[in-house]
Amino acid sequence: FTIRAVTRRVEALRDGTIEALAAEDDTRARQMVSEGLSGIHDLLGV
């Protein structure tokens, strides 16, 4: 279950960040990565 949650979050964060970068919204991309990776790191700890 935890691995599925990590995978889904990685894929969603990847897609969202790439989309933000394509729109040249670096600020949004950085914020997404910062916030998203925190939860992913927590799940990897679990």
PDB file of all heavy atoms in Angstrom:
ATOM      1  N   PHE A   1       0.838  -1.199   0.000  1.00  0.00           N
ATOM      2  CA  PHE A   1       0.000   0.000   0.000  1.00  0.00           C
ATOM      3  C   PHE A   1       0.876   1.253   0.000  1.00  0.00           C
ATOM      4  O   PHE A   1       0.638   2.192  -0.765  1.00  0.00           O
ATOM      5  CB  PHE A   1      -0.940   0.005   1.214  1.00  0.00           C
ATOM      6  CG  PHE A   1      -1.695   1.282   1.325  1.00  0.00           C
ATOM      7  CD1 PHE A   1      -2.822   1.498   0.564  1.00  0.00           C
ATOM      8  CD2 PHE A   1      -1.249   2.295   2.160  1.00  0.00           C
ATOM      9  CE1 PHE A   1      -3.506   2.698   0.640  1.00  0.00           C
ATOM     10  CE2 PHE A   1      -1.933   3.484   2.245  1.00  0.00           C
ATOM     11  CZ  PHE A   1      -3.057   3.688   1.484  1.00  0.00           C
ATOM     12  N   THR A   2       1.885   1.264   0.856  1.00  0.00           N
ATOM     13  CA  THR A   2       2.761   2.429   0.964  1.00  0.00           C
ATOM     14  C   THR A   2       3.523   2.654  -0.341  1.00  0.00           C
ATOM     15  O   THR A   2       3.654   3.793  -0.808  1.00  0.00           O
ATOM     16  CB  THR A   2       3.741   2.259   2.145  1.00  0.00           C
ATOM     17  OG1 THR A   2       2.974   2.044   3.340  1.00  0.00           O
ATOM     18  CG2 THR A   2       4.623   3.470   2.321  1.00  0.00           C
ATOM     19  N   ILE A   3       3.985   1.580  -0.963  1.00  0.00           N
ATOM     20  CA  ILE A   3       4.707   1.698  -2.232  1.00  0.00           C
ATOM     21  C   ILE A   3       3.782   2.254  -3.322  1.00  0.00           C
ATOM     22  O   ILE A   3       4.190   3.106  -4.112  1.00  0.00           O
ATOM     23  CB  ILE A   3       5.310   0.340  -2.654  1.00  0.00           C
ATOM     24  CG1 ILE A   3       6.365  -0.122  -1.644  1.00  0.00           C
ATOM     25  CG2 ILE A   3       5.863   0.396  -4.071  1.00  0.00           C
ATOM     26  CD1 ILE A   3       7.477   0.876  -1.354  1.00  0.00           C
ATOM     27  N   ARG A   4       2.538   1.786  -3.350  1.00  0.00           N
ATOM     28  CA  ARG A   4       1.582   2.343  -4.335  1.00  0.00           C
ATOM     29  C   ARG A   4       1.374   3.834  -4.083  1.00  0.00           C
ATOM     30  O   ARG A   4       1.318   4.625  -5.034  1.00  0.00           O
ATOM     31  CB  ARG A   4       0.250   1.597  -4.280  1.00  0.00           C
ATOM     32  CG  ARG A   4       0.266   0.270  -4.992  1.00  0.00           C
ATOM     33  CD  ARG A   4      -1.123  -0.324  -5.187  1.00  0.00           C
ATOM     34  NE  ARG A   4      -1.902  -0.433  -3.966  1.00  0.00           N
ATOM     35  CZ  ARG A   4      -1.883  -1.474  -3.132  1.00  0.00           C
ATOM     36  NH1 ARG A   4      -1.094  -2.505  -3.385  1.00  0.00           N
ATOM     37  NH2 ARG A   4      -2.647  -1.488  -2.061  1.00  0.00           N
ATOM     38  N   ALA A   5       1.271   4.230  -2.818  1.00  0.00           N
ATOM     39  CA  ALA A   5       1.081   5.648  -2.500  1.00  0.00           C
ATOM     40  C   ALA A   5       2.293   6.466  -2.932  1.00  0.00           C
ATOM     41  O   ALA A   5       2.152   7.552  -3.505  1.00  0.00           O
ATOM     42  CB  ALA A   5       0.806   5.818  -1.001  1.00  0.00           C
ATOM     43  N   VAL A   6       3.493   5.961  -2.679  1.00  0.00           N
ATOM     44  CA  VAL A   6       4.714   6.664  -3.104  1.00  0.00           C
ATOM     45  C   VAL A   6       4.723   6.802  -4.618  1.00  0.00           C
ATOM     46  O   VAL A   6       4.965   7.885  -5.160  1.00  0.00           O
ATOM     47  CB  VAL A   6       5.992   5.923  -2.631  1.00  0.00           C
ATOM     48  CG1 VAL A   6       7.239   6.506  -3.299  1.00  0.00           C
ATOM     49  CG2 VAL A   6       6.131   5.976  -1.120  1.00  0.00           C
ATOM     50  N   THR A   7       4.452   5.708  -5.317  1.00  0.00           N
ATOM     51  CA  THR A   7       4.490   5.720  -6.784  1.00  0.00           C
ATOM     52  C   THR A   7       3.497   6.725  -7.339  1.00  0.00           C
ATOM     53  O   THR A   7       3.832   7.505  -8.247  1.00  0.00           O
ATOM     54  CB  THR A   7       4.211   4.302  -7.330  1.00  0.00           C
ATOM     55  OG1 THR A   7       5.216   3.412  -6.824  1.00  0.00           O
ATOM     56  CG2 THR A   7       4.233   4.285  -8.850  1.00  0.00           C
ATOM     57  N   ARG A   8       2.279   6.730  -6.821  1.00  0.00           N
ATOM     58  CA  ARG A   8       1.271   7.683  -7.306  1.00  0.00           C
ATOM     59  C   ARG A   8       1.699   9.115  -7.061  1.00  0.00           C
ATOM     60  O   ARG A   8       1.524   9.982  -7.919  1.00  0.00           O
ATOM     61  CB  ARG A   8      -0.063   7.405  -6.630  1.00  0.00           C
ATOM     62  CG  ARG A   8      -0.720   6.151  -7.141  1.00  0.00           C
ATOM     63  CD  ARG A   8      -2.021   5.906  -6.426  1.00  0.00           C
ATOM     64  NE  ARG A   8      -2.635   4.697  -6.913  1.00  0.00           N
ATOM     65  CZ  ARG A   8      -3.147   3.762  -6.129  1.00  0.00           C
ATOM     66  NH1 ARG A   8      -3.140   3.907  -4.836  1.00  0.00           N
ATOM     67  NH2 ARG A   8      -3.679   2.685  -6.662  1.00  0.00           N
ATOM     68  N   ARG A   9       2.266   9.368  -5.904  1.00  0.00           N
ATOM     69  CA  ARG A   9       2.699  10.731  -5.595  1.00  0.00           C
ATOM     70  C   ARG A   9       3.874  11.144  -6.478  1.00  0.00           C
ATOM     71  O   ARG A   9       3.940  12.281  -6.923  1.00  0.00           O
ATOM     72  CB  ARG A   9       3.071  10.851  -4.127  1.00  0.00           C
ATOM     73  CG  ARG A   9       1.859  10.921  -3.241  1.00  0.00           C
ATOM     74  CD  ARG A   9       2.265  11.170  -1.824  1.00  0.00           C
ATOM     75  NE  ARG A   9       1.086  11.343  -0.997  1.00  0.00           N
ATOM     76  CZ  ARG A   9       1.060  12.075   0.084  1.00  0.00           C
ATOM     77  NH1 ARG A   9       2.134  12.714   0.485  1.00  0.00           N
ATOM     78  NH2 ARG A   9      -0.046  12.178   0.791  1.00  0.00           N
ATOM     79  N   VAL A  10       4.808  10.242  -6.699  1.00  0.00           N
ATOM     80  CA  VAL A  10       5.952  10.549  -7.569  1.00  0.00           C
ATOM     81  C   VAL A  10       5.447  10.891  -8.964  1.00  0.00           C
ATOM     82  O   VAL A  10       5.858  11.894  -9.555  1.00  0.00           O
ATOM     83  CB  VAL A  10       6.960   9.376  -7.607  1.00  0.00           C
ATOM     84  CG1 VAL A  10       7.910   9.489  -8.793  1.00  0.00           C
ATOM     85  CG2 VAL A  10       7.745   9.305  -6.298  1.00  0.00           C
ATOM     86  N   GLU A  11       4.567  10.069  -9.502  1.00  0.00           N
ATOM     87  CA  GLU A  11       4.061  10.308 -10.861  1.00  0.00           C
ATOM     88  C   GLU A  11       3.269  11.609 -10.937  1.00  0.00           C
ATOM     89  O   GLU A  11       3.436  12.387 -11.893  1.00  0.00           O
ATOM     90  CB  GLU A  11       3.208   9.126 -11.309  1.00  0.00           C
ATOM     91  CG  GLU A  11       4.019   7.878 -11.537  1.00  0.00           C
ATOM     92  CD  GLU A  11       3.183   6.657 -11.872  1.00  0.00           C
ATOM     93  OE1 GLU A  11       2.069   6.498 -11.323  1.00  0.00           O
ATOM     94  OE2 GLU A  11       3.659   5.846 -12.697  1.00  0.00           O
ATOM     95  N   ALA A  12       2.441  11.887  -9.939  1.00  0.00           N
ATOM     96  CA  ALA A  12       1.659  13.129  -9.951  1.00  0.00           C
ATOM     97  C   ALA A  12       2.563  14.346  -9.812  1.00  0.00           C
ATOM     98  O   ALA A  12       2.385  15.348 -10.514  1.00  0.00           O
ATOM     99  CB  ALA A  12       0.616  13.103  -8.831  1.00  0.00           C
ATOM    100  N   LEU A  13       3.558  14.259  -8.932  1.00  0.00           N
ATOM    101  CA  LEU A  13       4.488  15.371  -8.750  1.00  0.00           C
ATOM    102  C   LEU A  13       5.335  15.575 -10.001  1.00  0.00           C
ATOM    103  O   LEU A  13       5.553  16.707 -10.435  1.00  0.00           O
ATOM    104  CB  LEU A  13       5.375  15.124  -7.523  1.00  0.00           C
ATOM    105  CG  LEU A  13       6.354  16.223  -7.170  1.00  0.00           C
ATOM    106  CD1 LEU A  13       5.638  17.556  -6.935  1.00  0.00           C
ATOM    107  CD2 LEU A  13       7.163  15.821  -5.936  1.00  0.00           C
ATOM    108  N   ARG A  14       5.791  14.493 -10.593  1.00  0.00           N
ATOM    109  CA  ARG A  14       6.564  14.574 -11.838  1.00  0.00           C
ATOM    110  C   ARG A  14       5.759  15.296 -12.909  1.00  0.00           C
ATOM    111  O   ARG A  14       6.225  16.256 -13.519  1.00  0.00           O
ATOM    112  CB  ARG A  14       6.921  13.161 -12.305  1.00  0.00           C
ATOM    113  CG  ARG A  14       7.533  13.105 -13.701  1.00  0.00           C
ATOM    114  CD  ARG A  14       7.509  11.726 -14.283  1.00  0.00           C
ATOM    115  NE  ARG A  14       6.138  11.275 -14.507  1.00  0.00           N
ATOM    116  CZ  ARG A  14       5.795  10.017 -14.737  1.00  0.00           C
ATOM    117  NH1 ARG A  14       6.697   9.066 -14.757  1.00  0.00           N
ATOM    118  NH2 ARG A  14       4.534   9.700 -14.946  1.00  0.00           N
ATOM    119  N   ASP A  15       4.530  14.837 -13.139  1.00  0.00           N
ATOM    120  CA  ASP A  15       3.705  15.408 -14.199  1.00  0.00           C
ATOM    121  C   ASP A  15       3.367  16.870 -13.927  1.00  0.00           C
ATOM    122  O   ASP A  15       3.449  17.713 -14.827  1.00  0.00           O
ATOM    123  CB  ASP A  15       2.432  14.581 -14.375  1.00  0.00           C
ATOM    124  CG  ASP A  15       2.727  13.159 -14.831  1.00  0.00           C
ATOM    125  OD1 ASP A  15       3.857  12.876 -15.266  1.00  0.00           O
ATOM    126  OD2 ASP A  15       1.807  12.319 -14.726  1.00  0.00           O
ATOM    127  N   GLY A  16       3.027  17.187 -12.678  1.00  0.00           N
ATOM    128  CA  GLY A  16       2.689  18.565 -12.323  1.00  0.00           C
ATOM    129  C   GLY A  16       3.872  19.505 -12.433  1.00  0.00           C
ATOM    130  O   GLY A  16       3.741  20.642 -12.910  1.00  0.00           O
ATOM    131  N   THR A  17       5.029  19.043 -12.012  1.00  0.00           N
ATOM    132  CA  THR A  17       6.230  19.876 -12.063  1.00  0.00           C
ATOM    133  C   THR A  17       6.664  20.114 -13.510  1.00  0.00           C
ATOM    134  O   THR A  17       7.015  21.242 -13.881  1.00  0.00           O
ATOM    135  CB  THR A  17       7.372  19.232 -11.258  1.00  0.00           C
ATOM    136  OG1 THR A  17       6.925  18.990  -9.917  1.00  0.00           O
ATOM    137  CG2 THR A  17       8.590  20.128 -11.217  1.00  0.00           C
ATOM    138  N   ILE A  18       6.628  19.087 -14.311  1.00  0.00           N
ATOM    139  CA  ILE A  18       6.984  19.243 -15.733  1.00  0.00           C
ATOM    140  C   ILE A  18       6.013  20.211 -16.405  1.00  0.00           C
ATOM    141  O   ILE A  18       6.418  21.068 -17.195  1.00  0.00           O
ATOM    142  CB  ILE A  18       7.032  17.868 -16.439  1.00  0.00           C
ATOM    143  CG1 ILE A  18       8.265  17.096 -15.950  1.00  0.00           C
ATOM    144  CG2 ILE A  18       7.039  18.024 -17.956  1.00  0.00           C
ATOM    145  CD1 ILE A  18       8.343  15.662 -16.425  1.00  0.00           C
ATOM    146  N   GLU A  19       4.740  20.100 -16.063  1.00  0.00           N
ATOM    147  CA  GLU A  19       3.746  21.018 -16.623  1.00  0.00           C
ATOM    148  C   GLU A  19       4.035  22.457 -16.188  1.00  0.00           C
ATOM    149  O   GLU A  19       3.968  23.386 -17.006  1.00  0.00           O
ATOM    150  CB  GLU A  19       2.351  20.589 -16.154  1.00  0.00           C
ATOM    151  CG  GLU A  19       1.228  21.435 -16.702  1.00  0.00           C
ATOM    152  CD  GLU A  19      -0.118  20.955 -16.182  1.00  0.00           C
ATOM    153  OE1 GLU A  19      -0.481  19.801 -16.464  1.00  0.00           O
ATOM    154  OE2 GLU A  19      -0.793  21.749 -15.494  1.00  0.00           O
ATOM    155  N   ALA A  20       4.353  22.669 -14.919  1.00  0.00           N
ATOM    156  CA  ALA A  20       4.659  24.017 -14.425  1.00  0.00           C
ATOM    157  C   ALA A  20       5.904  24.571 -15.111  1.00  0.00           C
ATOM    158  O   ALA A  20       5.941  25.752 -15.489  1.00  0.00           O
ATOM    159  CB  ALA A  20       4.843  24.000 -12.909  1.00  0.00           C
ATOM    160  N   LEU A  21       6.909  23.743 -15.301  1.00  0.00           N
ATOM    161  CA  LEU A  21       8.129  24.197 -15.975  1.00  0.00           C
ATOM    162  C   LEU A  21       7.854  24.516 -17.438  1.00  0.00           C
ATOM    163  O   LEU A  21       8.409  25.479 -17.980  1.00  0.00           O
ATOM    164  CB  LEU A  21       9.237  23.154 -15.839  1.00  0.00           C
ATOM    165  CG  LEU A  21       9.813  22.993 -14.429  1.00  0.00           C
ATOM    166  CD1 LEU A  21      10.716  21.775 -14.355  1.00  0.00           C
ATOM    167  CD2 LEU A  21      10.560  24.261 -14.001  1.00  0.00           C
ATOM    168  N   ALA A  22       7.011  23.729 -18.089  1.00  0.00           N
ATOM    169  CA  ALA A  22       6.650  23.996 -19.488  1.00  0.00           C
ATOM    170  C   ALA A  22       5.920  25.326 -19.615  1.00  0.00           C
ATOM    171  O   ALA A  22       6.053  26.020 -20.622  1.00  0.00           O
ATOM    172  CB  ALA A  22       5.795  22.861 -20.040  1.00  0.00           C
ATOM    173  N   ALA A  23       5.165  25.682 -18.568  1.00  0.00           N
ATOM    174  CA  ALA A  23       4.453  26.964 -18.546  1.00  0.00           C
ATOM    175  C   ALA A  23       5.359  28.091 -18.047  1.00  0.00           C
ATOM    176  O   ALA A  23       4.897  29.215 -17.846  1.00  0.00           O
ATOM    177  CB  ALA A  23       3.213  26.859 -17.662  1.00  0.00           C
ATOM    178  N   GLU A  24       6.634  27.762 -17.837  1.00  0.00           N
ATOM    179  CA  GLU A  24       7.639  28.716 -17.346  1.00  0.00           C
ATOM    180  C   GLU A  24       7.258  29.308 -15.997  1.00  0.00           C
ATOM    181  O   GLU A  24       7.561  30.459 -15.695  1.00  0.00           O
ATOM    182  CB  GLU A  24       7.912  29.798 -18.395  1.00  0.00           C
ATOM    183  CG  GLU A  24       8.489  29.214 -19.674  1.00  0.00           C
ATOM    184  CD  GLU A  24       8.846  30.268 -20.711  1.00  0.00           C
ATOM    185  OE1 GLU A  24       8.871  31.470 -20.385  1.00  0.00           O
ATOM    186  OE2 GLU A  24       9.118  29.857 -21.854  1.00  0.00           O
ATOM    187  N   ASP A  25       6.620  28.505 -15.174  1.00  0.00           N
ATOM    188  CA  ASP A  25       6.260  28.921 -13.821  1.00  0.00           C
ATOM    189  C   ASP A  25       7.206  28.239 -12.835  1.00  0.00           C
ATOM    190  O   ASP A  25       6.842  27.287 -12.142  1.00  0.00           O
ATOM    191  CB  ASP A  25       4.795  28.552 -13.527  1.00  0.00           C
ATOM    192  CG  ASP A  25       4.272  29.203 -12.267  1.00  0.00           C
ATOM    193  OD1 ASP A  25       5.090  29.680 -11.448  1.00  0.00           O
ATOM    194  OD2 ASP A  25       3.035  29.206 -12.082  1.00  0.00           O
ATOM    195  N   ASP A  26       8.442  28.742 -12.790  1.00  0.00           N
ATOM    196  CA  ASP A  26       9.474  28.159 -11.939  1.00  0.00           C
ATOM    197  C   ASP A  26       9.102  28.198 -10.462  1.00  0.00           C
ATOM    198  O   ASP A  26       9.410  27.276  -9.713  1.00  0.00           O
ATOM    199  CB  ASP A  26      10.816  28.872 -12.148  1.00  0.00           C
ATOM    200  CG  ASP A  26      11.381  28.652 -13.538  1.00  0.00           C
ATOM    201  OD1 ASP A  26      10.794  27.860 -14.309  1.00  0.00           O
ATOM    202  OD2 ASP A  26      12.415  29.277 -13.858  1.00  0.00           O
ATOM    203  N   THR A  27       8.449  29.269 -10.050  1.00  0.00           N
ATOM    204  CA  THR A  27       8.063  29.408  -8.644  1.00  0.00           C
ATOM    205  C   THR A  27       7.105  28.302  -8.248  1.00  0.00           C
ATOM    206  O   THR A  27       7.269  27.662  -7.206  1.00  0.00           O
ATOM    207  CB  THR A  27       7.425  30.797  -8.394  1.00  0.00           C
ATOM    208  OG1 THR A  27       8.369  31.803  -8.768  1.00  0.00           O
ATOM    209  CG2 THR A  27       7.040  30.968  -6.937  1.00  0.00           C
ATOM    210  N   ARG A  28       6.100  28.072  -9.079  1.00  0.00           N
ATOM    211  CA  ARG A  28       5.135  27.002  -8.801  1.00  0.00           C
ATOM    212  C   ARG A  28       5.824  25.638  -8.820  1.00  0.00           C
ATOM    213  O   ARG A  28       5.566  24.788  -7.963  1.00  0.00           O
ATOM    214  CB  ARG A  28       3.996  27.029  -9.823  1.00  0.00           C
ATOM    215  CG  ARG A  28       2.918  26.019  -9.534  1.00  0.00           C
ATOM    216  CD  ARG A  28       1.687  26.251 -10.437  1.00  0.00           C
ATOM    217  NE  ARG A  28       1.132  24.969 -10.777  1.00  0.00           N
ATOM    218  CZ  ARG A  28       1.038  24.451 -11.985  1.00  0.00           C
ATOM    219  NH1 ARG A  28       1.439  25.136 -13.036  1.00  0.00           N
ATOM    220  NH2 ARG A  28       0.531  23.269 -12.197  1.00  0.00           N
ATOM    221  N   ALA A  29       6.726  25.419  -9.754  1.00  0.00           N
ATOM    222  CA  ALA A  29       7.445  24.148  -9.842  1.00  0.00           C
ATOM    223  C   ALA A  29       8.249  23.903  -8.571  1.00  0.00           C
ATOM    224  O   ALA A  29       8.208  22.804  -8.002  1.00  0.00           O
ATOM    225  CB  ALA A  29       8.352  24.132 -11.065  1.00  0.00           C
ATOM    226  N   ARG A  30       8.964  24.909  -8.099  1.00  0.00           N
ATOM    227  CA  ARG A  30       9.760  24.763  -6.876  1.00  0.00           C
ATOM    228  C   ARG A  30       8.869  24.481  -5.660  1.00  0.00           C
ATOM    229  O   ARG A  30       9.205  23.641  -4.823  1.00  0.00           O
ATOM    230  CB  ARG A  30      10.602  26.017  -6.622  1.00  0.00           C
ATOM    231  CG  ARG A  30      11.751  26.148  -7.561  1.00  0.00           C
ATOM    232  CD  ARG A  30      12.577  27.422  -7.255  1.00  0.00           C
ATOM    233  NE  ARG A  30      13.457  27.702  -8.353  1.00  0.00           N
ATOM    234  CZ  ARG A  30      14.533  27.006  -8.665  1.00  0.00           C
ATOM    235  NH1 ARG A  30      14.842  25.966  -7.937  1.00  0.00           N
ATOM    236  NH2 ARG A  30      15.282  27.327  -9.692  1.00  0.00           N
ATOM    237  N   GLN A  31       7.761  25.179  -5.589  1.00  0.00           N
ATOM    238  CA  GLN A  31       6.845  24.976  -4.466  1.00  0.00           C
ATOM    239  C   GLN A  31       6.251  23.567  -4.502  1.00  0.00           C
ATOM    240  O   GLN A  31       6.169  22.891  -3.477  1.00  0.00           O
ATOM    241  CB  GLN A  31       5.724  26.015  -4.487  1.00  0.00           C
ATOM    242  CG  GLN A  31       4.780  25.879  -3.325  1.00  0.00           C
ATOM    243  CD  GLN A  31       3.689  26.942  -3.338  1.00  0.00           C
ATOM    244  OE1 GLN A  31       3.553  27.720  -4.277  1.00  0.00           O
ATOM    245  NE2 GLN A  31       2.902  26.958  -2.278  1.00  0.00           N
ATOM    246  N   MET A  32       5.861  23.127  -5.680  1.00  0.00           N
ATOM    247  CA  MET A  32       5.307  21.781  -5.822  1.00  0.00           C
ATOM    248  C   MET A  32       6.322  20.730  -5.380  1.00  0.00           C
ATOM    249  O   MET A  32       5.985  19.801  -4.640  1.00  0.00           O
ATOM    250  CB  MET A  32       4.900  21.519  -7.279  1.00  0.00           C
ATOM    251  CG  MET A  32       3.688  22.280  -7.727  1.00  0.00           C
ATOM    252  SD  MET A  32       3.366  22.021  -9.487  1.00  0.00           S
ATOM    253  CE  MET A  32       2.850  20.307  -9.455  1.00  0.00           C
ATOM    254  N   VAL A  33       7.555  20.869  -5.838  1.00  0.00           N
ATOM    255  CA  VAL A  33       8.589  19.898  -5.493  1.00  0.00           C
ATOM    256  C   VAL A  33       8.855  19.916  -3.992  1.00  0.00           C
ATOM    257  O   VAL A  33       8.908  18.868  -3.346  1.00  0.00           O
ATOM    258  CB  VAL A  33       9.881  20.154  -6.303  1.00  0.00           C
ATOM    259  CG1 VAL A  33      11.054  19.366  -5.739  1.00  0.00           C
ATOM    260  CG2 VAL A  33       9.655  19.810  -7.768  1.00  0.00           C
ATOM    261  N   SER A  34       8.986  21.102  -3.431  1.00  0.00           N
ATOM    262  CA  SER A  34       9.254  21.209  -2.000  1.00  0.00           C
ATOM    263  C   SER A  34       8.159  20.552  -1.169  1.00  0.00           C
ATOM    264  O   SER A  34       8.435  19.742  -0.283  1.00  0.00           O
ATOM    265  CB  SER A  34       9.398  22.688  -1.625  1.00  0.00           C
ATOM    266  OG  SER A  34       9.550  22.813  -0.231  1.00  0.00           O
ATOM    267  N   GLU A  35       6.929  20.894  -1.460  1.00  0.00           N
ATOM    268  CA  GLU A  35       5.804  20.343  -0.701  1.00  0.00           C
ATOM    269  C   GLU A  35       5.590  18.863  -0.996  1.00  0.00           C
ATOM    270  O   GLU A  35       5.348  18.067  -0.100  1.00  0.00           O
ATOM    271  CB  GLU A  35       4.540  21.145  -0.992  1.00  0.00           C
ATOM    272  CG  GLU A  35       4.593  22.557  -0.441  1.00  0.00           C
ATOM    273  CD  GLU A  35       3.424  23.419  -0.896  1.00  0.00           C
ATOM    274  OE1 GLU A  35       2.510  22.908  -1.586  1.00  0.00           O
ATOM    275  OE2 GLU A  35       3.423  24.623  -0.559  1.00  0.00           O
ATOM    276  N   GLY A  36       5.685  18.488  -2.259  1.00  0.00           N
ATOM    277  CA  GLY A  36       5.428  17.108  -2.650  1.00  0.00           C
ATOM    278  C   GLY A  36       6.472  16.141  -2.138  1.00  0.00           C
ATOM    279  O   GLY A  36       6.149  15.029  -1.701  1.00  0.00           O
ATOM    280  N   LEU A  37       7.733  16.549  -2.180  1.00  0.00           N
ATOM    281  CA  LEU A  37       8.794  15.644  -1.739  1.00  0.00           C
ATOM    282  C   LEU A  37       8.756  15.405  -0.240  1.00  0.00           C
ATOM    283  O   LEU A  37       9.134  14.328   0.223  1.00  0.00           O
ATOM    284  CB  LEU A  37      10.160  16.164  -2.162  1.00  0.00           C
ATOM    285  CG  LEU A  37      10.494  15.978  -3.630  1.00  0.00           C
ATOM    286  CD1 LEU A  37      11.872  16.539  -3.952  1.00  0.00           C
ATOM    287  CD2 LEU A  37      10.406  14.519  -4.047  1.00  0.00           C
ATOM    288  N   SER A  38       8.273  16.363   0.511  1.00  0.00           N
ATOM    289  CA  SER A  38       8.161  16.162   1.952  1.00  0.00           C
ATOM    290  C   SER A  38       7.282  14.953   2.259  1.00  0.00           C
ATOM    291  O   SER A  38       7.668  14.075   3.035  1.00  0.00           O
ATOM    292  CB  SER A  38       7.590  17.428   2.607  1.00  0.00           C
ATOM    293  OG  SER A  38       7.373  17.192   3.980  1.00  0.00           O
ATOM    294  N   GLY A  39       6.124  14.890   1.639  1.00  0.00           N
ATOM    295  CA  GLY A  39       5.228  13.757   1.850  1.00  0.00           C
ATOM    296  C   GLY A  39       5.799  12.452   1.318  1.00  0.00           C
ATOM    297  O   GLY A  39       5.639  11.390   1.923  1.00  0.00           O
ATOM    298  N   ILE A  40       6.496  12.536   0.193  1.00  0.00           N
ATOM    299  CA  ILE A  40       7.105  11.328  -0.387  1.00  0.00           C
ATOM    300  C   ILE A  40       8.208  10.803   0.533  1.00  0.00           C
ATOM    301  O   ILE A  40       8.287   9.600   0.783  1.00  0.00           O
ATOM    302  CB  ILE A  40       7.627  11.610  -1.811  1.00  0.00           C
ATOM    303  CG1 ILE A  40       6.443  11.822  -2.762  1.00  0.00           C
ATOM    304  CG2 ILE A  40       8.522  10.476  -2.298  1.00  0.00           C
ATOM    305  CD1 ILE A  40       6.826  12.365  -4.133  1.00  0.00           C
ATOM    306  N   HIS A  41       9.021  11.696   1.062  1.00  0.00           N
ATOM    307  CA  HIS A  41      10.070  11.271   1.993  1.00  0.00           C
ATOM    308  C   HIS A  41       9.456  10.616   3.230  1.00  0.00           C
ATOM    309  O   HIS A  41       9.984   9.616   3.732  1.00  0.00           O
ATOM    310  CB  HIS A  41      10.962  12.444   2.392  1.00  0.00           C
ATOM    311  CG  HIS A  41      11.926  12.861   1.335  1.00  0.00           C
ATOM    312  ND1 HIS A  41      12.929  12.049   0.854  1.00  0.00           N
ATOM    313  CD2 HIS A  41      12.049  14.036   0.665  1.00  0.00           C
ATOM    314  CE1 HIS A  41      13.619  12.690  -0.066  1.00  0.00           C
ATOM    315  NE2 HIS A  41      13.108  13.895  -0.201  1.00  0.00           N
ATOM    316  N   ASP A  42       8.360  11.180   3.723  1.00  0.00           N
ATOM    317  CA  ASP A  42       7.680  10.583   4.873  1.00  0.00           C
ATOM    318  C   ASP A  42       7.217   9.166   4.546  1.00  0.00           C
ATOM    319  O   ASP A  42       7.390   8.247   5.353  1.00  0.00           O
ATOM    320  CB  ASP A  42       6.481  11.434   5.299  1.00  0.00           C
ATOM    321  CG  ASP A  42       6.885  12.725   5.997  1.00  0.00           C
ATOM    322  OD1 ASP A  42       8.057  12.855   6.418  1.00  0.00           O
ATOM    323  OD2 ASP A  42       6.016  13.611   6.129  1.00  0.00           O
ATOM    324  N   LEU A  43       6.624   8.989   3.382  1.00  0.00           N
ATOM    325  CA  LEU A  43       6.145   7.664   2.988  1.00  0.00           C
ATOM    326  C   LEU A  43       7.302   6.682   2.799  1.00  0.00           C
ATOM    327  O   LEU A  43       7.188   5.503   3.150  1.00  0.00           O
ATOM    328  CB  LEU A  43       5.309   7.750   1.707  1.00  0.00           C
ATOM    329  CG  LEU A  43       3.916   8.352   1.882  1.00  0.00           C
ATOM    330  CD1 LEU A  43       3.287   8.617   0.518  1.00  0.00           C
ATOM    331  CD2 LEU A  43       3.040   7.450   2.716  1.00  0.00           C
ATOM    332  N   LEU A  44       8.406   7.141   2.263  1.00  0.00           N
ATOM    333  CA  LEU A  44       9.578   6.270   2.128  1.00  0.00           C
ATOM    334  C   LEU A  44      10.098   5.856   3.508  1.00  0.00           C
ATOM    335  O   LEU A  44      10.557   4.724   3.691  1.00  0.00           O
ATOM    336  CB  LEU A  44      10.676   6.953   1.314  1.00  0.00           C
ATOM    337  CG  LEU A  44      10.397   7.055  -0.180  1.00  0.00           C
ATOM    338  CD1 LEU A  44      11.434   7.962  -0.867  1.00  0.00           C
ATOM    339  CD2 LEU A  44      10.364   5.679  -0.831  1.00  0.00           C
ATOM    340  N   GLY A  45       9.986   6.764   4.478  1.00  0.00           N
ATOM    341  CA  GLY A  45      10.353   6.420   5.851  1.00  0.00           C
ATOM    342  C   GLY A  45       9.431   5.346   6.419  1.00  0.00           C
ATOM    343  O   GLY A  45       9.875   4.437   7.124  1.00  0.00           O
ATOM    344  N   VAL A  46       8.149   5.437   6.092  1.00  0.00           N
ATOM    345  CA  VAL A  46       7.191   4.418   6.524  1.00  0.00           C
ATOM    346  C   VAL A  46       7.549   3.080   5.878  1.00  0.00           C
ATOM    347  O   VAL A  46       7.591   2.044   6.548  1.00  0.00           O
ATOM    348  CB  VAL A  46       5.742   4.838   6.184  1.00  0.00           C
ATOM    349  CG1 VAL A  46       4.778   3.682   6.377  1.00  0.00           C
ATOM    350  CG2 VAL A  46       5.321   6.039   7.034  1.00  0.00           C
TER     351      VAL A  46
END
